[in-house]
Amino acid sequence: KSSSTRRNFFVLDTNVLIHDMSFVEELVKLSDQEGNSIVIPWIVLQELDGLKTTTTNNVGKAARKAIDYLLECRKSRSEGVVFEPNSGLRTEVPDDRILLCLEWICEENNEDT
């Protein structure tokens, strides 16, 4: 593929969703317009779910806001947001799971890893 037609994938970590939702919202808008994709790894959804009841430093509130936003993206079928399916992940280390998500993206899009 040429670089002008290459689709870009932005894989988000839990920290971005907790600490900078305005950036995420803008990135989703741009991705919808430009044909790119924001990828949400399964582990990130699990981490947000685990954080939603936390009372420390508004983390719980931010996690709930992120979950609500992602649910809205899913309901509206935003083409710019892709959710990794839960596929029986092969590791317990969260960052390794995110790397496995990158592998999944490459396999789904016939890209070299």
PDB file of N, CA and C in Angstrom:
ATOM      1  N   LYS A   1       0.838  -1.197   0.000  1.00  0.00           N
ATOM      2  CA  LYS A   1       0.000   0.000   0.000  1.00  0.00           C
ATOM      3  C   LYS A   1       0.872   1.245   0.000  1.00  0.00           C
ATOM      4  N   SER A   2       0.404   2.265  -0.656  1.00  0.00           N
ATOM      5  CA  SER A   2       1.147   3.518  -0.604  1.00  0.00           C
ATOM      6  C   SER A   2       0.832   4.223   0.702  1.00  0.00           C
ATOM      7  N   SER A   3       1.707   5.126   1.108  1.00  0.00           N
ATOM      8  CA  SER A   3       1.516   5.802   2.389  1.00  0.00           C
ATOM      9  C   SER A   3       0.260   6.669   2.395  1.00  0.00           C
ATOM     10  N   SER A   4      -0.198   7.126   1.212  1.00  0.00           N
ATOM     11  CA  SER A   4      -1.387   7.968   1.172  1.00  0.00           C
ATOM     12  C   SER A   4      -2.663   7.160   1.385  1.00  0.00           C
ATOM     13  N   THR A   5      -2.629   5.851   1.151  1.00  0.00           N
ATOM     14  CA  THR A   5      -3.816   5.031   1.344  1.00  0.00           C
ATOM     15  C   THR A   5      -3.688   4.105   2.552  1.00  0.00           C
ATOM     16  N   ARG A   6      -2.575   4.141   3.203  1.00  0.00           N
ATOM     17  CA  ARG A   6      -2.344   3.274   4.354  1.00  0.00           C
ATOM     18  C   ARG A   6      -3.217   3.704   5.519  1.00  0.00           C
ATOM     19  N   ARG A   7      -3.869   2.755   6.107  1.00  0.00           N
ATOM     20  CA  ARG A   7      -4.719   2.999   7.270  1.00  0.00           C
ATOM     21  C   ARG A   7      -3.851   2.980   8.522  1.00  0.00           C
ATOM     22  N   ASN A   8      -4.021   3.968   9.376  1.00  0.00           N
ATOM     23  CA  ASN A   8      -3.275   4.037  10.626  1.00  0.00           C
ATOM     24  C   ASN A   8      -4.129   3.510  11.767  1.00  0.00           C
ATOM     25  N   PHE A   9      -3.471   2.829  12.701  1.00  0.00           N
ATOM     26  CA  PHE A   9      -4.137   2.294  13.878  1.00  0.00           C
ATOM     27  C   PHE A   9      -3.491   2.910  15.111  1.00  0.00           C
ATOM     28  N   PHE A  10      -4.315   3.452  15.986  1.00  0.00           N
ATOM     29  CA  PHE A  10      -3.848   4.041  17.223  1.00  0.00           C
ATOM     30  C   PHE A  10      -4.376   3.179  18.366  1.00  0.00           C
ATOM     31  N   VAL A  11      -3.478   2.488  19.046  1.00  0.00           N
ATOM     32  CA  VAL A  11      -3.863   1.598  20.136  1.00  0.00           C
ATOM     33  C   VAL A  11      -3.760   2.379  21.439  1.00  0.00           C
ATOM     34  N   LEU A  12      -4.885   2.484  22.133  1.00  0.00           N
ATOM     35  CA  LEU A  12      -4.918   3.299  23.347  1.00  0.00           C
ATOM     36  C   LEU A  12      -4.694   2.461  24.591  1.00  0.00           C
ATOM     37  N   ASP A  13      -3.952   3.039  25.492  1.00  0.00           N
ATOM     38  CA  ASP A  13      -3.679   2.463  26.799  1.00  0.00           C
ATOM     39  C   ASP A  13      -4.677   3.058  27.793  1.00  0.00           C
ATOM     40  N   THR A  14      -4.881   2.377  28.879  1.00  0.00           N
ATOM     41  CA  THR A  14      -5.808   2.828  29.920  1.00  0.00           C
ATOM     42  C   THR A  14      -5.479   4.246  30.387  1.00  0.00           C
ATOM     43  N   ASN A  15      -4.205   4.562  30.544  1.00  0.00           N
ATOM     44  CA  ASN A  15      -3.806   5.878  31.055  1.00  0.00           C
ATOM     45  C   ASN A  15      -4.298   7.019  30.186  1.00  0.00           C
ATOM     46  N   VAL A  16      -4.284   6.846  28.887  1.00  0.00           N
ATOM     47  CA  VAL A  16      -4.761   7.907  27.992  1.00  0.00           C
ATOM     48  C   VAL A  16      -6.248   8.137  28.213  1.00  0.00           C
ATOM     49  N   LEU A  17      -7.007   7.057  28.341  1.00  0.00           N
ATOM     50  CA  LEU A  17      -8.446   7.179  28.549  1.00  0.00           C
ATOM     51  C   LEU A  17      -8.779   7.781  29.912  1.00  0.00           C
ATOM     52  N   ILE A  18      -7.941   7.556  30.904  1.00  0.00           N
ATOM     53  CA  ILE A  18      -8.176   8.093  32.247  1.00  0.00           C
ATOM     54  C   ILE A  18      -7.766   9.567  32.336  1.00  0.00           C
ATOM     55  N   HIS A  19      -6.665   9.916  31.706  1.00  0.00           N
ATOM     56  CA  HIS A  19      -6.076  11.236  31.936  1.00  0.00           C
ATOM     57  C   HIS A  19      -6.302  12.270  30.840  1.00  0.00           C
ATOM     58  N   ASP A  20      -6.772  11.860  29.651  1.00  0.00           N
ATOM     59  CA  ASP A  20      -6.918  12.858  28.582  1.00  0.00           C
ATOM     60  C   ASP A  20      -8.053  12.504  27.624  1.00  0.00           C
ATOM     61  N   MET A  21      -9.277  12.475  28.126  1.00  0.00           N
ATOM     62  CA  MET A  21     -10.424  12.130  27.292  1.00  0.00           C
ATOM     63  C   MET A  21     -10.648  13.133  26.166  1.00  0.00           C
ATOM     64  N   SER A  22     -10.306  14.392  26.375  1.00  0.00           N
ATOM     65  CA  SER A  22     -10.495  15.369  25.291  1.00  0.00           C
ATOM     66  C   SER A  22      -9.608  15.010  24.103  1.00  0.00           C
ATOM     67  N   PHE A  23      -8.400  14.537  24.361  1.00  0.00           N
ATOM     68  CA  PHE A  23      -7.512  14.070  23.289  1.00  0.00           C
ATOM     69  C   PHE A  23      -8.134  12.862  22.576  1.00  0.00           C
ATOM     70  N   VAL A  24      -8.662  11.918  23.353  1.00  0.00           N
ATOM     71  CA  VAL A  24      -9.282  10.716  22.788  1.00  0.00           C
ATOM     72  C   VAL A  24     -10.460  11.099  21.904  1.00  0.00           C
ATOM     73  N   GLU A  25     -11.321  11.986  22.388  1.00  0.00           N
ATOM     74  CA  GLU A  25     -12.489  12.408  21.615  1.00  0.00           C
ATOM     75  C   GLU A  25     -12.070  13.057  20.297  1.00  0.00           C
ATOM     76  N   GLU A  26     -11.058  13.895  20.341  1.00  0.00           N
ATOM     77  CA  GLU A  26     -10.565  14.547  19.120  1.00  0.00           C
ATOM     78  C   GLU A  26      -9.947  13.521  18.170  1.00  0.00           C
ATOM     79  N   LEU A  27      -9.203  12.587  18.713  1.00  0.00           N
ATOM     80  CA  LEU A  27      -8.587  11.539  17.903  1.00  0.00           C
ATOM     81  C   LEU A  27      -9.647  10.682  17.211  1.00  0.00           C
ATOM     82  N   VAL A  28     -10.727  10.374  17.910  1.00  0.00           N
ATOM     83  CA  VAL A  28     -11.824   9.592  17.311  1.00  0.00           C
ATOM     84  C   VAL A  28     -12.467  10.373  16.168  1.00  0.00           C
ATOM     85  N   LYS A  29     -12.719  11.662  16.377  1.00  0.00           N
ATOM     86  CA  LYS A  29     -13.301  12.490  15.314  1.00  0.00           C
ATOM     87  C   LYS A  29     -12.413  12.481  14.075  1.00  0.00           C
ATOM     88  N   LEU A  30     -11.120  12.704  14.289  1.00  0.00           N
ATOM     89  CA  LEU A  30     -10.184  12.718  13.160  1.00  0.00           C
ATOM     90  C   LEU A  30     -10.095  11.354  12.485  1.00  0.00           C
ATOM     91  N   SER A  31     -10.114  10.312  13.269  1.00  0.00           N
ATOM     92  CA  SER A  31     -10.026   8.966  12.701  1.00  0.00           C
ATOM     93  C   SER A  31     -11.250   8.644  11.862  1.00  0.00           C
ATOM     94  N   ASP A  32     -12.429   9.054  12.332  1.00  0.00           N
ATOM     95  CA  ASP A  32     -13.650   8.856  11.550  1.00  0.00           C
ATOM     96  C   ASP A  32     -13.540   9.576  10.205  1.00  0.00           C
ATOM     97  N   GLN A  33     -12.996  10.779  10.213  1.00  0.00           N
ATOM     98  CA  GLN A  33     -12.885  11.582   8.999  1.00  0.00           C
ATOM     99  C   GLN A  33     -11.811  11.068   8.044  1.00  0.00           C
ATOM    100  N   GLU A  34     -10.721  10.561   8.588  1.00  0.00           N
ATOM    101  CA  GLU A  34      -9.577  10.210   7.759  1.00  0.00           C
ATOM    102  C   GLU A  34      -9.430   8.716   7.492  1.00  0.00           C
ATOM    103  N   GLY A  35     -10.361   7.911   7.978  1.00  0.00           N
ATOM    104  CA  GLY A  35     -10.313   6.478   7.708  1.00  0.00           C
ATOM    105  C   GLY A  35      -9.301   5.710   8.540  1.00  0.00           C
ATOM    106  N   ASN A  36      -8.869   6.282   9.644  1.00  0.00           N
ATOM    107  CA  ASN A  36      -7.963   5.589  10.552  1.00  0.00           C
ATOM    108  C   ASN A  36      -8.780   4.920  11.651  1.00  0.00           C
ATOM    109  N   SER A  37      -8.124   4.170  12.522  1.00  0.00           N
ATOM    110  CA  SER A  37      -8.843   3.475  13.580  1.00  0.00           C
ATOM    111  C   SER A  37      -8.181   3.648  14.933  1.00  0.00           C
ATOM    112  N   ILE A  38      -9.024   3.844  15.930  1.00  0.00           N
ATOM    113  CA  ILE A  38      -8.609   3.826  17.325  1.00  0.00           C
ATOM    114  C   ILE A  38      -8.914   2.419  17.808  1.00  0.00           C
ATOM    115  N   VAL A  39      -7.924   1.742  18.354  1.00  0.00           N
ATOM    116  CA  VAL A  39      -8.114   0.370  18.804  1.00  0.00           C
ATOM    117  C   VAL A  39      -8.105   0.336  20.327  1.00  0.00           C
ATOM    118  N   ILE A  40      -9.119  -0.316  20.875  1.00  0.00           N
ATOM    119  CA  ILE A  40      -9.227  -0.468  22.324  1.00  0.00           C
ATOM    120  C   ILE A  40      -8.960  -1.935  22.652  1.00  0.00           C
ATOM    121  N   PRO A  41      -7.803  -2.222  23.246  1.00  0.00           N
ATOM    122  CA  PRO A  41      -7.508  -3.607  23.620  1.00  0.00           C
ATOM    123  C   PRO A  41      -8.464  -4.117  24.708  1.00  0.00           C
ATOM    124  N   TRP A  42      -8.722  -5.400  24.683  1.00  0.00           N
ATOM    125  CA  TRP A  42      -9.602  -6.024  25.678  1.00  0.00           C
ATOM    126  C   TRP A  42      -9.121  -5.736  27.101  1.00  0.00           C
ATOM    127  N   ILE A  43      -7.810  -5.798  27.325  1.00  0.00           N
ATOM    128  CA  ILE A  43      -7.264  -5.565  28.665  1.00  0.00           C
ATOM    129  C   ILE A  43      -7.581  -4.156  29.157  1.00  0.00           C
ATOM    130  N   VAL A  44      -7.632  -3.197  28.260  1.00  0.00           N
ATOM    131  CA  VAL A  44      -7.954  -1.818  28.645  1.00  0.00           C
ATOM    132  C   VAL A  44      -9.393  -1.744  29.156  1.00  0.00           C
ATOM    133  N   LEU A  45     -10.311  -2.438  28.488  1.00  0.00           N
ATOM    134  CA  LEU A  45     -11.694  -2.473  28.962  1.00  0.00           C
ATOM    135  C   LEU A  45     -11.772  -3.106  30.348  1.00  0.00           C
ATOM    136  N   GLN A  46     -11.003  -4.170  30.562  1.00  0.00           N
ATOM    137  CA  GLN A  46     -10.978  -4.821  31.870  1.00  0.00           C
ATOM    138  C   GLN A  46     -10.417  -3.888  32.943  1.00  0.00           C
ATOM    139  N   GLU A  47      -9.345  -3.182  32.610  1.00  0.00           N
ATOM    140  CA  GLU A  47      -8.740  -2.263  33.576  1.00  0.00           C
ATOM    141  C   GLU A  47      -9.687  -1.121  33.924  1.00  0.00           C
ATOM    142  N   LEU A  48     -10.362  -0.552  32.915  1.00  0.00           N
ATOM    143  CA  LEU A  48     -11.326   0.513  33.182  1.00  0.00           C
ATOM    144  C   LEU A  48     -12.444   0.014  34.092  1.00  0.00           C
ATOM    145  N   ASP A  49     -12.916  -1.186  33.825  1.00  0.00           N
ATOM    146  CA  ASP A  49     -13.970  -1.759  34.653  1.00  0.00           C
ATOM    147  C   ASP A  49     -13.503  -1.893  36.103  1.00  0.00           C
ATOM    148  N   GLY A  50     -12.263  -2.310  36.291  1.00  0.00           N
ATOM    149  CA  GLY A  50     -11.721  -2.456  37.634  1.00  0.00           C
ATOM    150  C   GLY A  50     -11.496  -1.138  38.346  1.00  0.00           C
ATOM    151  N   LEU A  51     -11.285  -0.073  37.582  1.00  0.00           N
ATOM    152  CA  LEU A  51     -11.007   1.244  38.162  1.00  0.00           C
ATOM    153  C   LEU A  51     -12.259   2.076  38.429  1.00  0.00           C
ATOM    154  N   LYS A  52     -13.378   1.690  37.885  1.00  0.00           N
ATOM    155  CA  LYS A  52     -14.567   2.553  37.936  1.00  0.00           C
ATOM    156  C   LYS A  52     -15.080   2.838  39.348  1.00  0.00           C
ATOM    157  N   THR A  53     -14.730   2.018  40.326  1.00  0.00           N
ATOM    158  CA  THR A  53     -15.182   2.263  41.706  1.00  0.00           C
ATOM    159  C   THR A  53     -14.093   2.886  42.582  1.00  0.00           C
ATOM    160  N   THR A  54     -12.940   3.159  42.009  1.00  0.00           N
ATOM    161  CA  THR A  54     -11.839   3.773  42.751  1.00  0.00           C
ATOM    162  C   THR A  54     -12.189   5.203  43.128  1.00  0.00           C
ATOM    163  N   THR A  55     -11.850   5.605  44.348  1.00  0.00           N
ATOM    164  CA  THR A  55     -12.141   6.967  44.805  1.00  0.00           C
ATOM    165  C   THR A  55     -10.900   7.852  44.846  1.00  0.00           C
ATOM    166  N   THR A  56      -9.747   7.294  44.533  1.00  0.00           N
ATOM    167  CA  THR A  56      -8.494   8.037  44.600  1.00  0.00           C
ATOM    168  C   THR A  56      -8.335   8.968  43.404  1.00  0.00           C
ATOM    169  N   ASN A  57      -8.105  10.251  43.676  1.00  0.00           N
ATOM    170  CA  ASN A  57      -7.771  11.247  42.646  1.00  0.00           C
ATOM    171  C   ASN A  57      -8.721  11.252  41.457  1.00  0.00           C
ATOM    172  N   ASN A  58      -9.986  11.047  41.665  1.00  0.00           N
ATOM    173  CA  ASN A  58     -10.986  11.062  40.591  1.00  0.00           C
ATOM    174  C   ASN A  58     -10.768   9.999  39.515  1.00  0.00           C
ATOM    175  N   VAL A  59      -9.976   8.986  39.810  1.00  0.00           N
ATOM    176  CA  VAL A  59      -9.708   7.931  38.832  1.00  0.00           C
ATOM    177  C   VAL A  59     -10.992   7.182  38.497  1.00  0.00           C
ATOM    178  N   GLY A  60     -11.808   6.877  39.503  1.00  0.00           N
ATOM    179  CA  GLY A  60     -13.062   6.171  39.271  1.00  0.00           C
ATOM    180  C   GLY A  60     -13.996   6.953  38.366  1.00  0.00           C
ATOM    181  N   LYS A  61     -14.095   8.244  38.629  1.00  0.00           N
ATOM    182  CA  LYS A  61     -14.944   9.115  37.803  1.00  0.00           C
ATOM    183  C   LYS A  61     -14.441   9.149  36.364  1.00  0.00           C
ATOM    184  N   ALA A  62     -13.133   9.256  36.192  1.00  0.00           N
ATOM    185  CA  ALA A  62     -12.551   9.281  34.856  1.00  0.00           C
ATOM    186  C   ALA A  62     -12.758   7.947  34.140  1.00  0.00           C
ATOM    187  N   ALA A  63     -12.640   6.850  34.871  1.00  0.00           N
ATOM    188  CA  ALA A  63     -12.852   5.523  34.277  1.00  0.00           C
ATOM    189  C   ALA A  63     -14.299   5.376  33.815  1.00  0.00           C
ATOM    190  N   ARG A  64     -15.241   5.829  34.634  1.00  0.00           N
ATOM    191  CA  ARG A  64     -16.656   5.755  34.249  1.00  0.00           C
ATOM    192  C   ARG A  64     -16.936   6.617  33.027  1.00  0.00           C
ATOM    193  N   LYS A  65     -16.323   7.792  32.971  1.00  0.00           N
ATOM    194  CA  LYS A  65     -16.501   8.670  31.809  1.00  0.00           C
ATOM    195  C   LYS A  65     -15.947   7.989  30.553  1.00  0.00           C
ATOM    196  N   ALA A  66     -14.796   7.363  30.671  1.00  0.00           N
ATOM    197  CA  ALA A  66     -14.197   6.671  29.527  1.00  0.00           C
ATOM    198  C   ALA A  66     -15.081   5.510  29.074  1.00  0.00           C
ATOM    199  N   ILE A  67     -15.588   4.738  30.034  1.00  0.00           N
ATOM    200  CA  ILE A  67     -16.470   3.615  29.706  1.00  0.00           C
ATOM    201  C   ILE A  67     -17.722   4.120  28.996  1.00  0.00           C
ATOM    202  N   ASP A  68     -18.328   5.177  29.525  1.00  0.00           N
ATOM    203  CA  ASP A  68     -19.529   5.734  28.896  1.00  0.00           C
ATOM    204  C   ASP A  68     -19.246   6.189  27.468  1.00  0.00           C
ATOM    205  N   TYR A  69     -18.113   6.843  27.275  1.00  0.00           N
ATOM    206  CA  TYR A  69     -17.752   7.317  25.938  1.00  0.00           C
ATOM    207  C   TYR A  69     -17.549   6.139  24.979  1.00  0.00           C
ATOM    208  N   LEU A  70     -16.846   5.111  25.429  1.00  0.00           N
ATOM    209  CA  LEU A  70     -16.611   3.947  24.578  1.00  0.00           C
ATOM    210  C   LEU A  70     -17.909   3.219  24.248  1.00  0.00           C
ATOM    211  N   LEU A  71     -18.814   3.130  25.227  1.00  0.00           N
ATOM    212  CA  LEU A  71     -20.121   2.530  24.958  1.00  0.00           C
ATOM    213  C   LEU A  71     -20.891   3.336  23.917  1.00  0.00           C
ATOM    214  N   GLU A  72     -20.798   4.646  24.010  1.00  0.00           N
ATOM    215  CA  GLU A  72     -21.464   5.502  23.030  1.00  0.00           C
ATOM    216  C   GLU A  72     -20.864   5.291  21.634  1.00  0.00           C
ATOM    217  N   CYS A  73     -19.549   5.170  21.567  1.00  0.00           N
ATOM    218  CA  CYS A  73     -18.893   4.891  20.273  1.00  0.00           C
ATOM    219  C   CYS A  73     -19.391   3.569  19.699  1.00  0.00           C
ATOM    220  N   ARG A  74     -19.512   2.600  20.559  1.00  0.00           N
ATOM    221  CA  ARG A  74     -19.979   1.279  20.109  1.00  0.00           C
ATOM    222  C   ARG A  74     -21.433   1.341  19.638  1.00  0.00           C
ATOM    223  N   LYS A  75     -22.291   2.027  20.402  1.00  0.00           N
ATOM    224  CA  LYS A  75     -23.698   2.152  20.021  1.00  0.00           C
ATOM    225  C   LYS A  75     -23.868   2.897  18.705  1.00  0.00           C
ATOM    226  N   SER A  76     -23.067   3.935  18.519  1.00  0.00           N
ATOM    227  CA  SER A  76     -23.177   4.736  17.291  1.00  0.00           C
ATOM    228  C   SER A  76     -22.439   4.083  16.123  1.00  0.00           C
ATOM    229  N   ARG A  77     -21.804   2.955  16.411  1.00  0.00           N
ATOM    230  CA  ARG A  77     -21.047   2.211  15.389  1.00  0.00           C
ATOM    231  C   ARG A  77     -20.004   3.090  14.704  1.00  0.00           C
ATOM    232  N   SER A  78     -19.330   3.876  15.529  1.00  0.00           N
ATOM    233  CA  SER A  78     -18.263   4.724  15.021  1.00  0.00           C
ATOM    234  C   SER A  78     -17.243   3.878  14.277  1.00  0.00           C
ATOM    235  N   GLU A  79     -17.018   4.206  13.012  1.00  0.00           N
ATOM    236  CA  GLU A  79     -16.070   3.441  12.210  1.00  0.00           C
ATOM    237  C   GLU A  79     -14.636   3.662  12.669  1.00  0.00           C
ATOM    238  N   GLY A  80     -14.404   4.723  13.432  1.00  0.00           N
ATOM    239  CA  GLY A  80     -13.062   5.035  13.873  1.00  0.00           C
ATOM    240  C   GLY A  80     -12.628   4.309  15.132  1.00  0.00           C
ATOM    241  N   VAL A  81     -13.529   3.527  15.743  1.00  0.00           N
ATOM    242  CA  VAL A  81     -13.184   2.831  16.984  1.00  0.00           C
ATOM    243  C   VAL A  81     -13.364   1.330  16.783  1.00  0.00           C
ATOM    244  N   VAL A  82     -12.297   0.587  17.076  1.00  0.00           N
ATOM    245  CA  VAL A  82     -12.306  -0.868  16.940  1.00  0.00           C
ATOM    246  C   VAL A  82     -12.031  -1.471  18.312  1.00  0.00           C
ATOM    247  N   PHE A  83     -12.832  -2.431  18.703  1.00  0.00           N
ATOM    248  CA  PHE A  83     -12.645  -3.106  19.983  1.00  0.00           C
ATOM    249  C   PHE A  83     -12.052  -4.485  19.725  1.00  0.00           C
ATOM    250  N   GLU A  84     -10.932  -4.757  20.385  1.00  0.00           N
ATOM    251  CA  GLU A  84     -10.323  -6.074  20.267  1.00  0.00           C
ATOM    252  C   GLU A  84     -11.249  -7.097  20.913  1.00  0.00           C
ATOM    253  N   PRO A  85     -11.515  -8.199  20.233  1.00  0.00           N
ATOM    254  CA  PRO A  85     -12.351  -9.227  20.868  1.00  0.00           C
ATOM    255  C   PRO A  85     -11.576  -9.955  21.963  1.00  0.00           C
ATOM    256  N   ASN A  86     -12.294 -10.488  22.926  1.00  0.00           N
ATOM    257  CA  ASN A  86     -11.666 -11.309  23.963  1.00  0.00           C
ATOM    258  C   ASN A  86     -11.401 -12.670  23.347  1.00  0.00           C
ATOM    259  N   SER A  87     -10.136 -12.970  23.143  1.00  0.00           N
ATOM    260  CA  SER A  87      -9.808 -14.179  22.392  1.00  0.00           C
ATOM    261  C   SER A  87      -8.961 -15.156  23.200  1.00  0.00           C
ATOM    262  N   GLY A  88      -9.191 -15.234  24.492  1.00  0.00           N
ATOM    263  CA  GLY A  88      -8.406 -16.159  25.307  1.00  0.00           C
ATOM    264  C   GLY A  88      -6.941 -15.777  25.307  1.00  0.00           C
ATOM    265  N   LEU A  89      -6.646 -14.627  25.825  1.00  0.00           N
ATOM    266  CA  LEU A  89      -5.291 -14.078  25.777  1.00  0.00           C
ATOM    267  C   LEU A  89      -4.270 -14.997  26.423  1.00  0.00           C
ATOM    268  N   ARG A  90      -3.051 -14.944  25.891  1.00  0.00           N
ATOM    269  CA  ARG A  90      -2.020 -15.905  26.265  1.00  0.00           C
ATOM    270  C   ARG A  90      -1.038 -15.400  27.321  1.00  0.00           C
ATOM    271  N   THR A  91      -1.312 -14.315  27.987  1.00  0.00           N
ATOM    272  CA  THR A  91      -0.387 -13.789  28.993  1.00  0.00           C
ATOM    273  C   THR A  91      -1.163 -13.006  30.047  1.00  0.00           C
ATOM    274  N   GLU A  92      -0.594 -12.911  31.214  1.00  0.00           N
ATOM    275  CA  GLU A  92      -1.229 -12.156  32.301  1.00  0.00           C
ATOM    276  C   GLU A  92      -0.653 -10.753  32.457  1.00  0.00           C
ATOM    277  N   VAL A  93       0.416 -10.432  31.761  1.00  0.00           N
ATOM    278  CA  VAL A  93       1.056  -9.123  31.870  1.00  0.00           C
ATOM    279  C   VAL A  93       0.291  -8.131  30.979  1.00  0.00           C
ATOM    280  N   PRO A  94      -0.337  -7.097  31.581  1.00  0.00           N
ATOM    281  CA  PRO A  94      -1.163  -6.177  30.793  1.00  0.00           C
ATOM    282  C   PRO A  94      -0.472  -5.576  29.570  1.00  0.00           C
ATOM    283  N   ASP A  95       0.772  -5.132  29.711  1.00  0.00           N
ATOM    284  CA  ASP A  95       1.452  -4.540  28.553  1.00  0.00           C
ATOM    285  C   ASP A  95       1.689  -5.571  27.452  1.00  0.00           C
ATOM    286  N   ASP A  96       1.924  -6.820  27.835  1.00  0.00           N
ATOM    287  CA  ASP A  96       2.063  -7.879  26.834  1.00  0.00           C
ATOM    288  C   ASP A  96       0.746  -8.110  26.104  1.00  0.00           C
ATOM    289  N   ARG A  97      -0.353  -7.957  26.817  1.00  0.00           N
ATOM    290  CA  ARG A  97      -1.658  -8.109  26.182  1.00  0.00           C
ATOM    291  C   ARG A  97      -1.879  -7.022  25.142  1.00  0.00           C
ATOM    292  N   ILE A  98      -1.390  -5.816  25.414  1.00  0.00           N
ATOM    293  CA  ILE A  98      -1.508  -4.730  24.447  1.00  0.00           C
ATOM    294  C   ILE A  98      -0.659  -5.049  23.219  1.00  0.00           C
ATOM    295  N   LEU A  99       0.522  -5.599  23.437  1.00  0.00           N
ATOM    296  CA  LEU A  99       1.351  -6.015  22.301  1.00  0.00           C
ATOM    297  C   LEU A  99       0.666  -7.112  21.492  1.00  0.00           C
ATOM    298  N   LEU A 100      -0.008  -8.029  22.159  1.00  0.00           N
ATOM    299  CA  LEU A 100      -0.765  -9.064  21.442  1.00  0.00           C
ATOM    300  C   LEU A 100      -1.908  -8.439  20.639  1.00  0.00           C
ATOM    301  N   CYS A 101      -2.460  -7.357  21.135  1.00  0.00           N
ATOM    302  CA  CYS A 101      -3.495  -6.639  20.391  1.00  0.00           C
ATOM    303  C   CYS A 101      -2.909  -6.095  19.090  1.00  0.00           C
ATOM    304  N   LEU A 102      -1.693  -5.585  19.149  1.00  0.00           N
ATOM    305  CA  LEU A 102      -1.033  -5.105  17.930  1.00  0.00           C
ATOM    306  C   LEU A 102      -0.853  -6.241  16.934  1.00  0.00           C
ATOM    307  N   GLU A 103      -0.490  -7.402  17.432  1.00  0.00           N
ATOM    308  CA  GLU A 103      -0.352  -8.573  16.581  1.00  0.00           C
ATOM    309  C   GLU A 103      -1.694  -8.915  15.927  1.00  0.00           C
ATOM    310  N   TRP A 104      -2.761  -8.851  16.708  1.00  0.00           N
ATOM    311  CA  TRP A 104      -4.105  -9.112  16.190  1.00  0.00           C
ATOM    312  C   TRP A 104      -4.454  -8.137  15.073  1.00  0.00           C
ATOM    313  N   ILE A 105      -4.140  -6.846  15.264  1.00  0.00           N
ATOM    314  CA  ILE A 105      -4.418  -5.837  14.237  1.00  0.00           C
ATOM    315  C   ILE A 105      -3.698  -6.196  12.938  1.00  0.00           C
ATOM    316  N   CYS A 106      -2.429  -6.562  13.052  1.00  0.00           N
ATOM    317  CA  CYS A 106      -1.657  -6.911  11.868  1.00  0.00           C
ATOM    318  C   CYS A 106      -2.253  -8.124  11.150  1.00  0.00           C
ATOM    319  N   GLU A 107      -2.626  -9.121  11.914  1.00  0.00           N
ATOM    320  CA  GLU A 107      -3.229 -10.318  11.314  1.00  0.00           C
ATOM    321  C   GLU A 107      -4.553  -9.993  10.644  1.00  0.00           C
ATOM    322  N   GLU A 108      -5.365  -9.182  11.281  1.00  0.00           N
ATOM    323  CA  GLU A 108      -6.678  -8.836  10.722  1.00  0.00           C
ATOM    324  C   GLU A 108      -6.562  -7.983   9.455  1.00  0.00           C
ATOM    325  N   ASN A 109      -5.464  -7.267   9.325  1.00  0.00           N
ATOM    326  CA  ASN A 109      -5.296  -6.334   8.212  1.00  0.00           C
ATOM    327  C   ASN A 109      -4.195  -6.726   7.261  1.00  0.00           C
ATOM    328  N   ASN A 110      -3.755  -7.978   7.370  1.00  0.00           N
ATOM    329  CA  ASN A 110      -2.727  -8.520   6.468  1.00  0.00           C
ATOM    330  C   ASN A 110      -1.484  -7.651   6.420  1.00  0.00           C
ATOM    331  N   GLU A 111      -1.060  -7.194   7.574  1.00  0.00           N
ATOM    332  CA  GLU A 111       0.149  -6.381   7.698  1.00  0.00           C
ATOM    333  C   GLU A 111       1.264  -7.224   8.282  1.00  0.00           C
ATOM    334  N   ASP A 112       2.498  -6.852   7.995  1.00  0.00           N
ATOM    335  CA  ASP A 112       3.652  -7.535   8.602  1.00  0.00           C
ATOM    336  C   ASP A 112       3.753  -7.125  10.058  1.00  0.00           C
ATOM    337  N   THR A 113       4.135  -8.089  10.925  1.00  0.00           N
ATOM    338  CA  THR A 113       4.303  -7.770  12.340  1.00  0.00           C
ATOM    339  C   THR A 113       5.687  -7.259  12.606  1.00  0.00           C
TER     340      THR A 113
END
